[in-house]
PDB file of N, CA and C in Angstrom:
ATOM      1  N   UNK A   1     201.236 308.164-191.093  1.00  0.00           N
ATOM      2  CA  UNK A   1     201.220 306.853-191.755  1.00  0.00           C
ATOM      3  C   UNK A   1     200.932 305.659-190.693  1.00  0.00           C
ATOM      4  N   UNK A   2     200.156 304.843-191.126  1.00  0.00           N
ATOM      5  CA  UNK A   2     199.734 303.784-190.303  1.00  0.00           C
ATOM      6  C   UNK A   2     200.749 302.632-190.309  1.00  0.00           C
ATOM      7  N   UNK A   3     201.034 301.948-189.221  1.00  0.00           N
ATOM      8  CA  UNK A   3     201.957 300.838-189.054  1.00  0.00           C
ATOM      9  C   UNK A   3     201.667 299.763-190.237  1.00  0.00           C
ATOM     10  N   UNK A   4     200.292 299.518-190.398  1.00  0.00           N
ATOM     11  CA  UNK A   4     199.920 298.494-191.256  1.00  0.00           C
ATOM     12  C   UNK A   4     200.321 298.908-192.745  1.00  0.00           C
ATOM     13  N   UNK A   5     200.287 300.161-193.124  1.00  0.00           N
ATOM     14  CA  UNK A   5     200.682 300.618-194.415  1.00  0.00           C
ATOM     15  C   UNK A   5     202.095 300.411-194.629  1.00  0.00           C
ATOM     16  N   UNK A   6     202.854 300.743-193.639  1.00  0.00           N
ATOM     17  CA  UNK A   6     204.308 300.507-193.711  1.00  0.00           C
ATOM     18  C   UNK A   6     204.629 298.973-193.785  1.00  0.00           C
ATOM     19  N   UNK A   7     204.042 298.317-193.047  1.00  0.00           N
ATOM     20  CA  UNK A   7     204.183 296.690-193.003  1.00  0.00           C
ATOM     21  C   UNK A   7     203.899 296.209-194.227  1.00  0.00           C
ATOM     22  N   UNK A   8     202.836 296.700-194.935  1.00  0.00           N
ATOM     23  CA  UNK A   8     202.373 296.141-196.188  1.00  0.00           C
ATOM     24  C   UNK A   8     203.410 296.529-197.293  1.00  0.00           C
ATOM     25  N   UNK A   9     203.876 297.844-197.258  1.00  0.00           N
ATOM     26  CA  UNK A   9     204.825 298.236-198.265  1.00  0.00           C
ATOM     27  C   UNK A   9     206.204 297.523-198.080  1.00  0.00           C
ATOM     28  N   UNK A  10     206.580 297.247-196.876  1.00  0.00           N
ATOM     29  CA  UNK A  10     207.885 296.450-196.613  1.00  0.00           C
ATOM     30  C   UNK A  10     207.741 295.050-196.956  1.00  0.00           C
ATOM     31  N   UNK A  11     206.518 294.479-196.818  1.00  0.00           N
ATOM     32  CA  UNK A  11     206.440 293.169-197.308  1.00  0.00           C
ATOM     33  C   UNK A  11     206.506 293.043-198.924  1.00  0.00           C
ATOM     34  N   UNK A  12     205.732 294.003-199.484  1.00  0.00           N
ATOM     35  CA  UNK A  12     205.640 294.141-200.887  1.00  0.00           C
ATOM     36  C   UNK A  12     207.157 294.272-201.507  1.00  0.00           C
ATOM     37  N   UNK A  13     207.948 295.161-200.945  1.00  0.00           N
ATOM     38  CA  UNK A  13     209.367 295.254-201.408  1.00  0.00           C
ATOM     39  C   UNK A  13     210.094 293.997-201.135  1.00  0.00           C
ATOM     40  N   UNK A  14     210.042 293.357-199.964  1.00  0.00           N
ATOM     41  CA  UNK A  14     210.656 292.143-199.496  1.00  0.00           C
ATOM     42  C   UNK A  14     210.418 291.177-200.476  1.00  0.00           C
ATOM     43  N   UNK A  15     209.281 290.898-200.755  1.00  0.00           N
ATOM     44  CA  UNK A  15     208.720 289.696-201.682  1.00  0.00           C
ATOM     45  C   UNK A  15     209.088 289.832-203.167  1.00  0.00           C
ATOM     46  N   UNK A  16     208.974 291.262-203.424  1.00  0.00           N
ATOM     47  CA  UNK A  16     209.225 291.575-204.851  1.00  0.00           C
ATOM     48  C   UNK A  16     210.746 291.365-205.156  1.00  0.00           C
ATOM     49  N   UNK A  17     211.474 291.876-204.174  1.00  0.00           N
ATOM     50  CA  UNK A  17     213.046 291.795-204.358  1.00  0.00           C
ATOM     51  C   UNK A  17     213.323 290.274-204.318  1.00  0.00           C
ATOM     52  N   UNK A  18     212.767 289.540-203.534  1.00  0.00           N
ATOM     53  CA  UNK A  18     213.181 288.167-203.475  1.00  0.00           C
ATOM     54  C   UNK A  18     212.627 287.464-204.752  1.00  0.00           C
ATOM     55  N   UNK A  19     211.541 287.870-205.297  1.00  0.00           N
ATOM     56  CA  UNK A  19     211.111 287.257-206.622  1.00  0.00           C
ATOM     57  C   UNK A  19     211.959 287.610-207.703  1.00  0.00           C
ATOM     58  N   UNK A  20     212.287 288.856-207.931  1.00  0.00           N
ATOM     59  CA  UNK A  20     213.203 289.367-208.947  1.00  0.00           C
ATOM     60  C   UNK A  20     214.562 288.708-208.776  1.00  0.00           C
ATOM     61  N   UNK A  21     215.035 288.750-207.534  1.00  0.00           N
ATOM     62  CA  UNK A  21     216.291 288.155-207.328  1.00  0.00           C
ATOM     63  C   UNK A  21     216.532 286.703-207.676  1.00  0.00           C
ATOM     64  N   UNK A  22     215.431 285.925-207.260  1.00  0.00           N
ATOM     65  CA  UNK A  22     215.405 284.430-207.495  1.00  0.00           C
ATOM     66  C   UNK A  22     215.505 284.190-209.126  1.00  0.00           C
ATOM     67  N   UNK A  23     214.517 284.964-209.702  1.00  0.00           N
ATOM     68  CA  UNK A  23     214.357 284.728-211.202  1.00  0.00           C
ATOM     69  C   UNK A  23     215.803 285.128-211.883  1.00  0.00           C
ATOM     70  N   UNK A  24     216.395 286.344-211.326  1.00  0.00           N
ATOM     71  CA  UNK A  24     217.798 286.639-212.035  1.00  0.00           C
ATOM     72  C   UNK A  24     218.892 285.659-211.791  1.00  0.00           C
ATOM     73  N   UNK A  25     218.749 284.954-210.659  1.00  0.00           N
ATOM     74  CA  UNK A  25     219.845 284.057-210.191  1.00  0.00           C
ATOM     75  C   UNK A  25     219.537 282.700-210.991  1.00  0.00           C
ATOM     76  N   UNK A  26     218.305 282.235-211.067  1.00  0.00           N
ATOM     77  CA  UNK A  26     218.065 280.863-211.679  1.00  0.00           C
ATOM     78  C   UNK A  26     217.657 280.812-213.190  1.00  0.00           C
ATOM     79  N   UNK A  27     217.129 282.090-213.645  1.00  0.00           N
ATOM     80  CA  UNK A  27     216.759 282.080-215.022  1.00  0.00           C
ATOM     81  C   UNK A  27     217.122 283.380-215.521  1.00  0.00           C
ATOM     82  N   UNK A  28     218.376 283.678-215.580  1.00  0.00           N
ATOM     83  CA  UNK A  28     218.843 285.301-216.177  1.00  0.00           C
ATOM     84  C   UNK A  28     218.347 285.534-217.591  1.00  0.00           C
ATOM     85  N   UNK A  29     218.331 284.497-218.427  1.00  0.00           N
ATOM     86  CA  UNK A  29     217.895 284.809-219.694  1.00  0.00           C
ATOM     87  C   UNK A  29     216.359 285.084-219.847  1.00  0.00           C
ATOM     88  N   UNK A  30     215.618 284.474-218.928  1.00  0.00           N
ATOM     89  CA  UNK A  30     214.123 284.762-218.900  1.00  0.00           C
ATOM     90  C   UNK A  30     213.892 286.152-218.254  1.00  0.00           C
ATOM     91  N   UNK A  31     214.727 286.583-217.325  1.00  0.00           N
ATOM     92  CA  UNK A  31     214.499 287.835-216.807  1.00  0.00           C
ATOM     93  C   UNK A  31     214.806 288.953-217.773  1.00  0.00           C
ATOM     94  N   UNK A  32     216.026 288.736-218.579  1.00  0.00           N
ATOM     95  CA  UNK A  32     216.285 289.744-219.532  1.00  0.00           C
ATOM     96  C   UNK A  32     215.245 289.815-220.638  1.00  0.00           C
ATOM     97  N   UNK A  33     214.746 288.643-221.070  1.00  0.00           N
ATOM     98  CA  UNK A  33     213.752 288.384-222.128  1.00  0.00           C
ATOM     99  C   UNK A  33     212.513 289.189-221.706  1.00  0.00           C
ATOM    100  N   UNK A  34     212.100 289.054-220.341  1.00  0.00           N
ATOM    101  CA  UNK A  34     210.907 289.742-219.954  1.00  0.00           C
ATOM    102  C   UNK A  34     211.111 291.245-219.828  1.00  0.00           C
ATOM    103  N   UNK A  35     212.353 291.682-219.846  1.00  0.00           N
ATOM    104  CA  UNK A  35     212.595 293.157-219.828  1.00  0.00           C
ATOM    105  C   UNK A  35     212.854 293.617-221.268  1.00  0.00           C
ATOM    106  N   UNK A  36     212.697 292.773-222.245  1.00  0.00           N
ATOM    107  CA  UNK A  36     212.789 293.220-223.582  1.00  0.00           C
ATOM    108  C   UNK A  36     214.145 293.105-224.146  1.00  0.00           C
ATOM    109  N   UNK A  37     215.117 292.493-223.576  1.00  0.00           N
ATOM    110  CA  UNK A  37     216.475 292.313-224.045  1.00  0.00           C
ATOM    111  C   UNK A  37     216.610 290.980-224.704  1.00  0.00           C
ATOM    112  N   UNK A  38     216.172 290.833-225.951  1.00  0.00           N
ATOM    113  CA  UNK A  38     216.187 289.519-226.692  1.00  0.00           C
ATOM    114  C   UNK A  38     217.503 289.276-227.407  1.00  0.00           C
ATOM    115  N   UNK A  39     218.381 290.303-227.519  1.00  0.00           N
ATOM    116  CA  UNK A  39     219.566 289.960-228.235  1.00  0.00           C
ATOM    117  C   UNK A  39     220.670 289.532-227.331  1.00  0.00           C
ATOM    118  N   UNK A  40     220.670 289.803-226.189  1.00  0.00           N
ATOM    119  CA  UNK A  40     221.948 289.667-225.162  1.00  0.00           C
ATOM    120  C   UNK A  40     221.960 288.104-224.728  1.00  0.00           C
ATOM    121  N   UNK A  41     223.064 287.497-224.720  1.00  0.00           N
ATOM    122  CA  UNK A  41     223.237 286.187-224.111  1.00  0.00           C
ATOM    123  C   UNK A  41     224.697 285.963-223.980  1.00  0.00           C
ATOM    124  N   UNK A  42     224.963 284.862-223.297  1.00  0.00           N
ATOM    125  CA  UNK A  42     226.324 284.397-223.113  1.00  0.00           C
ATOM    126  C   UNK A  42     226.598 284.164-221.607  1.00  0.00           C
ATOM    127  N   UNK A  43     227.655 283.442-221.288  1.00  0.00           N
ATOM    128  CA  UNK A  43     227.948 283.156-219.851  1.00  0.00           C
ATOM    129  C   UNK A  43     228.337 284.405-219.190  1.00  0.00           C
ATOM    130  N   UNK A  44     229.020 285.258-219.707  1.00  0.00           N
ATOM    131  CA  UNK A  44     229.398 286.460-218.972  1.00  0.00           C
ATOM    132  C   UNK A  44     228.217 287.251-218.415  1.00  0.00           C
ATOM    133  N   UNK A  45     227.188 287.573-219.423  1.00  0.00           N
ATOM    134  CA  UNK A  45     226.035 288.206-218.963  1.00  0.00           C
ATOM    135  C   UNK A  45     225.198 287.390-218.079  1.00  0.00           C
ATOM    136  N   UNK A  46     225.037 286.115-218.162  1.00  0.00           N
ATOM    137  CA  UNK A  46     224.334 285.259-217.308  1.00  0.00           C
ATOM    138  C   UNK A  46     225.001 285.328-215.895  1.00  0.00           C
ATOM    139  N   UNK A  47     226.324 285.491-215.845  1.00  0.00           N
ATOM    140  CA  UNK A  47     227.012 285.534-214.499  1.00  0.00           C
ATOM    141  C   UNK A  47     226.625 286.931-213.799  1.00  0.00           C
ATOM    142  N   UNK A  48     226.639 287.994-214.572  1.00  0.00           N
ATOM    143  CA  UNK A  48     226.372 289.228-213.851  1.00  0.00           C
ATOM    144  C   UNK A  48     224.857 289.381-213.545  1.00  0.00           C
ATOM    145  N   UNK A  49     223.927 288.695-214.286  1.00  0.00           N
ATOM    146  CA  UNK A  49     222.591 288.641-213.916  1.00  0.00           C
ATOM    147  C   UNK A  49     222.285 287.847-212.737  1.00  0.00           C
ATOM    148  N   UNK A  50     223.055 286.691-212.603  1.00  0.00           N
ATOM    149  CA  UNK A  50     222.920 285.928-211.353  1.00  0.00           C
ATOM    150  C   UNK A  50     223.442 286.529-210.279  1.00  0.00           C
ATOM    151  N   UNK A  51     224.535 287.306-210.306  1.00  0.00           N
ATOM    152  CA  UNK A  51     225.097 288.051-209.132  1.00  0.00           C
ATOM    153  C   UNK A  51     223.987 289.161-208.689  1.00  0.00           C
ATOM    154  N   UNK A  52     223.544 289.883-209.765  1.00  0.00           N
ATOM    155  CA  UNK A  52     222.513 290.888-209.417  1.00  0.00           C
ATOM    156  C   UNK A  52     221.323 290.152-208.752  1.00  0.00           C
ATOM    157  N   UNK A  53     220.903 289.034-209.362  1.00  0.00           N
ATOM    158  CA  UNK A  53     219.797 288.328-208.671  1.00  0.00           C
ATOM    159  C   UNK A  53     220.013 287.902-207.142  1.00  0.00           C
ATOM    160  N   UNK A  54     221.235 287.381-206.984  1.00  0.00           N
ATOM    161  CA  UNK A  54     221.571 286.864-205.580  1.00  0.00           C
ATOM    162  C   UNK A  54     221.498 288.067-204.586  1.00  0.00           C
ATOM    163  N   UNK A  55     222.133 289.261-204.956  1.00  0.00           N
ATOM    164  CA  UNK A  55     222.105 290.315-203.968  1.00  0.00           C
ATOM    165  C   UNK A  55     220.690 290.780-203.827  1.00  0.00           C
ATOM    166  N   UNK A  56     219.926 290.805-204.739  1.00  0.00           N
ATOM    167  CA  UNK A  56     218.545 291.390-204.690  1.00  0.00           C
ATOM    168  C   UNK A  56     217.753 290.486-203.854  1.00  0.00           C
ATOM    169  N   UNK A  57     217.927 289.175-203.986  1.00  0.00           N
ATOM    170  CA  UNK A  57     217.141 288.148-203.253  1.00  0.00           C
ATOM    171  C   UNK A  57     217.599 288.222-201.764  1.00  0.00           C
ATOM    172  N   UNK A  58     218.697 288.456-201.396  1.00  0.00           N
ATOM    173  CA  UNK A  58     219.325 288.705-200.049  1.00  0.00           C
ATOM    174  C   UNK A  58     218.801 289.951-199.440  1.00  0.00           C
ATOM    175  N   UNK A  59     218.550 290.917-200.213  1.00  0.00           N
ATOM    176  CA  UNK A  59     218.084 292.159-199.719  1.00  0.00           C
ATOM    177  C   UNK A  59     216.558 292.022-199.447  1.00  0.00           C
ATOM    178  N   UNK A  60     215.794 291.305-200.347  1.00  0.00           N
ATOM    179  CA  UNK A  60     214.471 291.018-200.074  1.00  0.00           C
ATOM    180  C   UNK A  60     214.245 290.142-198.857  1.00  0.00           C
ATOM    181  N   UNK A  61     215.127 289.121-198.587  1.00  0.00           N
ATOM    182  CA  UNK A  61     215.039 288.320-197.405  1.00  0.00           C
ATOM    183  C   UNK A  61     215.340 289.177-196.176  1.00  0.00           C
ATOM    184  N   UNK A  62     216.381 290.037-196.226  1.00  0.00           N
ATOM    185  CA  UNK A  62     216.566 290.909-195.082  1.00  0.00           C
ATOM    186  C   UNK A  62     215.325 291.798-194.756  1.00  0.00           C
ATOM    187  N   UNK A  63     214.899 292.336-195.690  1.00  0.00           N
ATOM    188  CA  UNK A  63     213.717 293.162-195.564  1.00  0.00           C
ATOM    189  C   UNK A  63     212.503 292.369-194.843  1.00  0.00           C
ATOM    190  N   UNK A  64     212.351 291.173-195.303  1.00  0.00           N
ATOM    191  CA  UNK A  64     211.244 290.436-194.620  1.00  0.00           C
ATOM    192  C   UNK A  64     211.626 289.824-193.209  1.00  0.00           C
ATOM    193  N   UNK A  65     212.835 289.797-192.951  1.00  0.00           N
ATOM    194  CA  UNK A  65     213.278 289.241-191.647  1.00  0.00           C
ATOM    195  C   UNK A  65     213.534 290.446-190.658  1.00  0.00           C
ATOM    196  N   UNK A  66     213.341 291.661-191.002  1.00  0.00           N
ATOM    197  CA  UNK A  66     213.667 292.847-190.143  1.00  0.00           C
ATOM    198  C   UNK A  66     212.733 292.554-188.894  1.00  0.00           C
ATOM    199  N   UNK A  67     213.485 292.708-187.707  1.00  0.00           N
ATOM    200  CA  UNK A  67     212.755 292.338-186.468  1.00  0.00           C
ATOM    201  C   UNK A  67     212.387 293.751-185.695  1.00  0.00           C
ATOM    202  N   UNK A  68     212.704 294.815-186.077  1.00  0.00           N
ATOM    203  CA  UNK A  68     212.400 296.155-185.425  1.00  0.00           C
ATOM    204  C   UNK A  68     212.291 297.203-186.398  1.00  0.00           C
ATOM    205  N   UNK A  69     211.602 298.181-185.984  1.00  0.00           N
ATOM    206  CA  UNK A  69     211.491 299.385-187.029  1.00  0.00           C
ATOM    207  C   UNK A  69     212.893 299.978-187.223  1.00  0.00           C
ATOM    208  N   UNK A  70     213.775 299.942-186.257  1.00  0.00           N
ATOM    209  CA  UNK A  70     215.132 300.526-186.561  1.00  0.00           C
ATOM    210  C   UNK A  70     215.805 299.749-187.643  1.00  0.00           C
ATOM    211  N   UNK A  71     215.646 298.352-187.489  1.00  0.00           N
ATOM    212  CA  UNK A  71     216.503 297.502-188.567  1.00  0.00           C
ATOM    213  C   UNK A  71     215.751 297.626-189.835  1.00  0.00           C
ATOM    214  N   UNK A  72     214.400 297.717-189.944  1.00  0.00           N
ATOM    215  CA  UNK A  72     213.782 297.930-191.163  1.00  0.00           C
ATOM    216  C   UNK A  72     214.103 299.281-191.832  1.00  0.00           C
ATOM    217  N   UNK A  73     214.138 300.321-191.042  1.00  0.00           N
ATOM    218  CA  UNK A  73     214.581 301.615-191.481  1.00  0.00           C
ATOM    219  C   UNK A  73     215.889 301.612-192.146  1.00  0.00           C
ATOM    220  N   UNK A  74     216.856 300.967-191.430  1.00  0.00           N
ATOM    221  CA  UNK A  74     218.295 300.811-191.899  1.00  0.00           C
ATOM    222  C   UNK A  74     218.289 300.094-193.266  1.00  0.00           C
ATOM    223  N   UNK A  75     217.614 298.991-193.285  1.00  0.00           N
ATOM    224  CA  UNK A  75     217.638 298.122-194.539  1.00  0.00           C
ATOM    225  C   UNK A  75     216.955 298.932-195.788  1.00  0.00           C
ATOM    226  N   UNK A  76     215.795 299.639-195.356  1.00  0.00           N
ATOM    227  CA  UNK A  76     215.105 300.301-196.448  1.00  0.00           C
ATOM    228  C   UNK A  76     215.981 301.559-196.979  1.00  0.00           C
ATOM    229  N   UNK A  77     216.679 302.201-196.009  1.00  0.00           N
ATOM    230  CA  UNK A  77     217.503 303.337-196.501  1.00  0.00           C
ATOM    231  C   UNK A  77     218.535 302.838-197.456  1.00  0.00           C
ATOM    232  N   UNK A  78     219.226 301.616-197.349  1.00  0.00           N
ATOM    233  CA  UNK A  78     220.194 301.038-198.196  1.00  0.00           C
ATOM    234  C   UNK A  78     219.556 300.585-199.382  1.00  0.00           C
ATOM    235  N   UNK A  79     218.328 299.940-199.375  1.00  0.00           N
ATOM    236  CA  UNK A  79     217.679 299.540-200.501  1.00  0.00           C
ATOM    237  C   UNK A  79     217.198 300.663-201.284  1.00  0.00           C
ATOM    238  N   UNK A  80     216.840 301.804-200.751  1.00  0.00           N
ATOM    239  CA  UNK A  80     216.546 302.968-201.557  1.00  0.00           C
ATOM    240  C   UNK A  80     217.549 303.518-202.339  1.00  0.00           C
ATOM    241  N   UNK A  81     218.811 303.667-201.546  1.00  0.00           N
ATOM    242  CA  UNK A  81     220.070 304.128-202.380  1.00  0.00           C
ATOM    243  C   UNK A  81     220.462 303.089-203.464  1.00  0.00           C
ATOM    244  N   UNK A  82     220.468 301.857-203.043  1.00  0.00           N
ATOM    245  CA  UNK A  82     220.947 300.897-204.112  1.00  0.00           C
ATOM    246  C   UNK A  82     220.137 300.984-205.265  1.00  0.00           C
ATOM    247  N   UNK A  83     218.708 300.964-205.185  1.00  0.00           N
ATOM    248  CA  UNK A  83     217.867 300.979-206.260  1.00  0.00           C
ATOM    249  C   UNK A  83     217.835 302.334-207.146  1.00  0.00           C
ATOM    250  N   UNK A  84     218.118 303.408-206.367  1.00  0.00           N
ATOM    251  CA  UNK A  84     218.294 304.721-207.051  1.00  0.00           C
ATOM    252  C   UNK A  84     219.409 304.725-207.940  1.00  0.00           C
ATOM    253  N   UNK A  85     220.591 304.176-207.529  1.00  0.00           N
ATOM    254  CA  UNK A  85     221.778 303.910-208.461  1.00  0.00           C
ATOM    255  C   UNK A  85     221.402 303.129-209.569  1.00  0.00           C
ATOM    256  N   UNK A  86     220.806 301.962-209.150  1.00  0.00           N
ATOM    257  CA  UNK A  86     220.331 301.018-210.354  1.00  0.00           C
ATOM    258  C   UNK A  86     219.586 301.772-211.279  1.00  0.00           C
ATOM    259  N   UNK A  87     218.581 302.461-210.956  1.00  0.00           N
ATOM    260  CA  UNK A  87     217.766 303.237-211.851  1.00  0.00           C
ATOM    261  C   UNK A  87     218.419 304.252-212.744  1.00  0.00           C
ATOM    262  N   UNK A  88     219.248 305.010-212.069  1.00  0.00           N
ATOM    263  CA  UNK A  88     220.136 306.022-212.813  1.00  0.00           C
ATOM    264  C   UNK A  88     221.074 305.342-213.800  1.00  0.00           C
ATOM    265  N   UNK A  89     221.682 304.176-213.398  1.00  0.00           N
ATOM    266  CA  UNK A  89     222.557 303.397-214.345  1.00  0.00           C
ATOM    267  C   UNK A  89     221.840 302.970-215.501  1.00  0.00           C
ATOM    268  N   UNK A  90     220.516 302.422-215.301  1.00  0.00           N
ATOM    269  CA  UNK A  90     219.735 301.813-216.360  1.00  0.00           C
ATOM    270  C   UNK A  90     219.361 302.973-217.380  1.00  0.00           C
ATOM    271  N   UNK A  91     218.884 304.091-216.910  1.00  0.00           N
ATOM    272  CA  UNK A  91     218.423 305.149-217.790  1.00  0.00           C
ATOM    273  C   UNK A  91     219.668 305.690-218.541  1.00  0.00           C
ATOM    274  N   UNK A  92     220.799 305.690-218.023  1.00  0.00           N
ATOM    275  CA  UNK A  92     222.008 306.325-218.667  1.00  0.00           C
ATOM    276  C   UNK A  92     222.598 305.335-219.655  1.00  0.00           C
ATOM    277  N   UNK A  93     222.221 303.980-219.657  1.00  0.00           N
ATOM    278  CA  UNK A  93     222.969 302.905-220.473  1.00  0.00           C
ATOM    279  C   UNK A  93     222.447 303.037-221.902  1.00  0.00           C
ATOM    280  N   UNK A  94     223.136 303.672-222.707  1.00  0.00           N
ATOM    281  CA  UNK A  94     222.467 303.746-224.021  1.00  0.00           C
ATOM    282  C   UNK A  94     222.737 302.513-225.027  1.00  0.00           C
ATOM    283  N   UNK A  95     223.462 301.564-224.483  1.00  0.00           N
ATOM    284  CA  UNK A  95     223.594 300.284-225.303  1.00  0.00           C
ATOM    285  C   UNK A  95     222.587 299.325-224.982  1.00  0.00           C
ATOM    286  N   UNK A  96     221.569 299.424-223.993  1.00  0.00           N
ATOM    287  CA  UNK A  96     220.476 298.579-223.825  1.00  0.00           C
ATOM    288  C   UNK A  96     219.447 298.934-224.854  1.00  0.00           C
ATOM    289  N   UNK A  97     218.540 297.885-225.186  1.00  0.00           N
ATOM    290  CA  UNK A  97     217.378 298.274-225.938  1.00  0.00           C
ATOM    291  C   UNK A  97     216.488 299.086-225.252  1.00  0.00           C
ATOM    292  N   UNK A  98     215.816 299.994-225.757  1.00  0.00           N
ATOM    293  CA  UNK A  98     215.109 301.231-225.003  1.00  0.00           C
ATOM    294  C   UNK A  98     214.076 300.575-224.148  1.00  0.00           C
ATOM    295  N   UNK A  99     213.413 299.453-224.514  1.00  0.00           N
ATOM    296  CA  UNK A  99     212.281 298.837-223.652  1.00  0.00           C
ATOM    297  C   UNK A  99     213.008 298.357-222.388  1.00  0.00           C
ATOM    298  N   UNK A 100     214.138 297.757-222.495  1.00  0.00           N
ATOM    299  CA  UNK A 100     214.976 297.129-221.389  1.00  0.00           C
ATOM    300  C   UNK A 100     215.469 298.356-220.500  1.00  0.00           C
ATOM    301  N   UNK A 101     215.878 299.310-221.098  1.00  0.00           N
ATOM    302  CA  UNK A 101     216.424 300.547-220.320  1.00  0.00           C
ATOM    303  C   UNK A 101     215.289 301.093-219.556  1.00  0.00           C
ATOM    304  N   UNK A 102     214.235 301.328-220.106  1.00  0.00           N
ATOM    305  CA  UNK A 102     213.035 302.095-219.554  1.00  0.00           C
ATOM    306  C   UNK A 102     212.478 301.060-218.479  1.00  0.00           C
ATOM    307  N   UNK A 103     212.181 299.712-218.820  1.00  0.00           N
ATOM    308  CA  UNK A 103     211.556 298.895-217.797  1.00  0.00           C
ATOM    309  C   UNK A 103     212.614 298.736-216.521  1.00  0.00           C
ATOM    310  N   UNK A 104     213.969 298.658-216.718  1.00  0.00           N
ATOM    311  CA  UNK A 104     214.793 298.507-215.684  1.00  0.00           C
ATOM    312  C   UNK A 104     214.808 299.755-214.840  1.00  0.00           C
ATOM    313  N   UNK A 105     214.912 300.945-215.433  1.00  0.00           N
ATOM    314  CA  UNK A 105     215.086 302.083-214.764  1.00  0.00           C
ATOM    315  C   UNK A 105     213.713 302.368-213.937  1.00  0.00           C
ATOM    316  N   UNK A 106     212.574 302.093-214.561  1.00  0.00           N
ATOM    317  CA  UNK A 106     211.385 302.385-213.873  1.00  0.00           C
ATOM    318  C   UNK A 106     211.160 301.341-212.728  1.00  0.00           C
ATOM    319  N   UNK A 107     211.394 300.129-212.927  1.00  0.00           N
ATOM    320  CA  UNK A 107     211.372 299.137-211.824  1.00  0.00           C
ATOM    321  C   UNK A 107     212.169 299.558-210.678  1.00  0.00           C
ATOM    322  N   UNK A 108     213.418 299.809-210.843  1.00  0.00           N
ATOM    323  CA  UNK A 108     214.218 300.203-209.964  1.00  0.00           C
ATOM    324  C   UNK A 108     213.876 301.469-209.251  1.00  0.00           C
ATOM    325  N   UNK A 109     213.359 302.502-209.970  1.00  0.00           N
ATOM    326  CA  UNK A 109     212.779 303.765-209.367  1.00  0.00           C
ATOM    327  C   UNK A 109     211.619 303.446-208.458  1.00  0.00           C
ATOM    328  N   UNK A 110     210.822 302.515-208.865  1.00  0.00           N
ATOM    329  CA  UNK A 110     209.648 302.266-207.991  1.00  0.00           C
ATOM    330  C   UNK A 110     210.047 301.626-206.742  1.00  0.00           C
ATOM    331  N   UNK A 111     211.079 300.588-206.735  1.00  0.00           N
ATOM    332  CA  UNK A 111     211.525 299.996-205.507  1.00  0.00           C
ATOM    333  C   UNK A 111     212.285 301.041-204.695  1.00  0.00           C
ATOM    334  N   UNK A 112     213.056 301.989-205.226  1.00  0.00           N
ATOM    335  CA  UNK A 112     213.719 303.017-204.605  1.00  0.00           C
ATOM    336  C   UNK A 112     212.723 303.953-203.786  1.00  0.00           C
ATOM    337  N   UNK A 113     211.592 304.416-204.575  1.00  0.00           N
ATOM    338  CA  UNK A 113     210.646 305.216-203.931  1.00  0.00           C
ATOM    339  C   UNK A 113     209.973 304.508-202.827  1.00  0.00           C
ATOM    340  N   UNK A 114     209.669 303.305-202.993  1.00  0.00           N
ATOM    341  CA  UNK A 114     208.898 302.525-201.991  1.00  0.00           C
ATOM    342  C   UNK A 114     209.766 302.345-200.647  1.00  0.00           C
ATOM    343  N   UNK A 115     211.045 301.877-201.034  1.00  0.00           N
ATOM    344  CA  UNK A 115     211.905 301.796-199.869  1.00  0.00           C
ATOM    345  C   UNK A 115     212.102 303.170-199.114  1.00  0.00           C
ATOM    346  N   UNK A 116     212.313 304.220-199.759  1.00  0.00           N
ATOM    347  CA  UNK A 116     212.432 305.576-199.214  1.00  0.00           C
ATOM    348  C   UNK A 116     211.235 305.853-198.267  1.00  0.00           C
ATOM    349  N   UNK A 117     210.090 305.639-198.871  1.00  0.00           N
ATOM    350  CA  UNK A 117     208.887 305.758-198.087  1.00  0.00           C
ATOM    351  C   UNK A 117     208.919 304.996-196.735  1.00  0.00           C
ATOM    352  N   UNK A 118     209.280 303.648-196.954  1.00  0.00           N
ATOM    353  CA  UNK A 118     209.274 302.816-195.649  1.00  0.00           C
ATOM    354  C   UNK A 118     210.526 303.422-194.794  1.00  0.00           C
ATOM    355  N   UNK A 119     211.602 303.830-195.141  1.00  0.00           N
ATOM    356  CA  UNK A 119     212.607 304.365-194.350  1.00  0.00           C
ATOM    357  C   UNK A 119     212.146 305.659-193.645  1.00  0.00           C
ATOM    358  N   UNK A 120     211.504 306.562-194.351  1.00  0.00           N
ATOM    359  CA  UNK A 120     211.071 307.708-193.850  1.00  0.00           C
ATOM    360  C   UNK A 120     209.938 307.647-192.793  1.00  0.00           C
ATOM    361  N   UNK A 121     209.264 306.547-192.761  1.00  0.00           N
ATOM    362  CA  UNK A 121     208.054 306.379-191.945  1.00  0.00           C
ATOM    363  C   UNK A 121     208.154 305.188-190.945  1.00  0.00           C
ATOM    364  N   UNK A 122     209.298 304.559-190.911  1.00  0.00           N
ATOM    365  CA  UNK A 122     209.623 303.483-189.831  1.00  0.00           C
ATOM    366  C   UNK A 122     209.974 304.051-188.742  1.00  0.00           C
TER     367      UNK A 122
END
């Protein structure tokens, strides 16, 4: 694997995480709507969307700020694990609309796979 490929993948994961996180934190209803969840609303759900958004944005920022291959590998390993859990959780949640469940599960799976690729090749 070339260093450029790994750098590009890390930047994509970092910026993607930052983007999803900021959207979840500042516009939780818009994020849920984009994922097909048109029925859910309320302060409790907004709170949990915002907390998910803030942790995802921080993870994206950490990914972008990694200053060594070792640090990037450590962050990518944790990101891969976190996103794998998120993906499994989404796919198992039968109370979500099917579009939301599938989009959330697939998005998290893609982030997990890319982060695992970065971790294994850093």
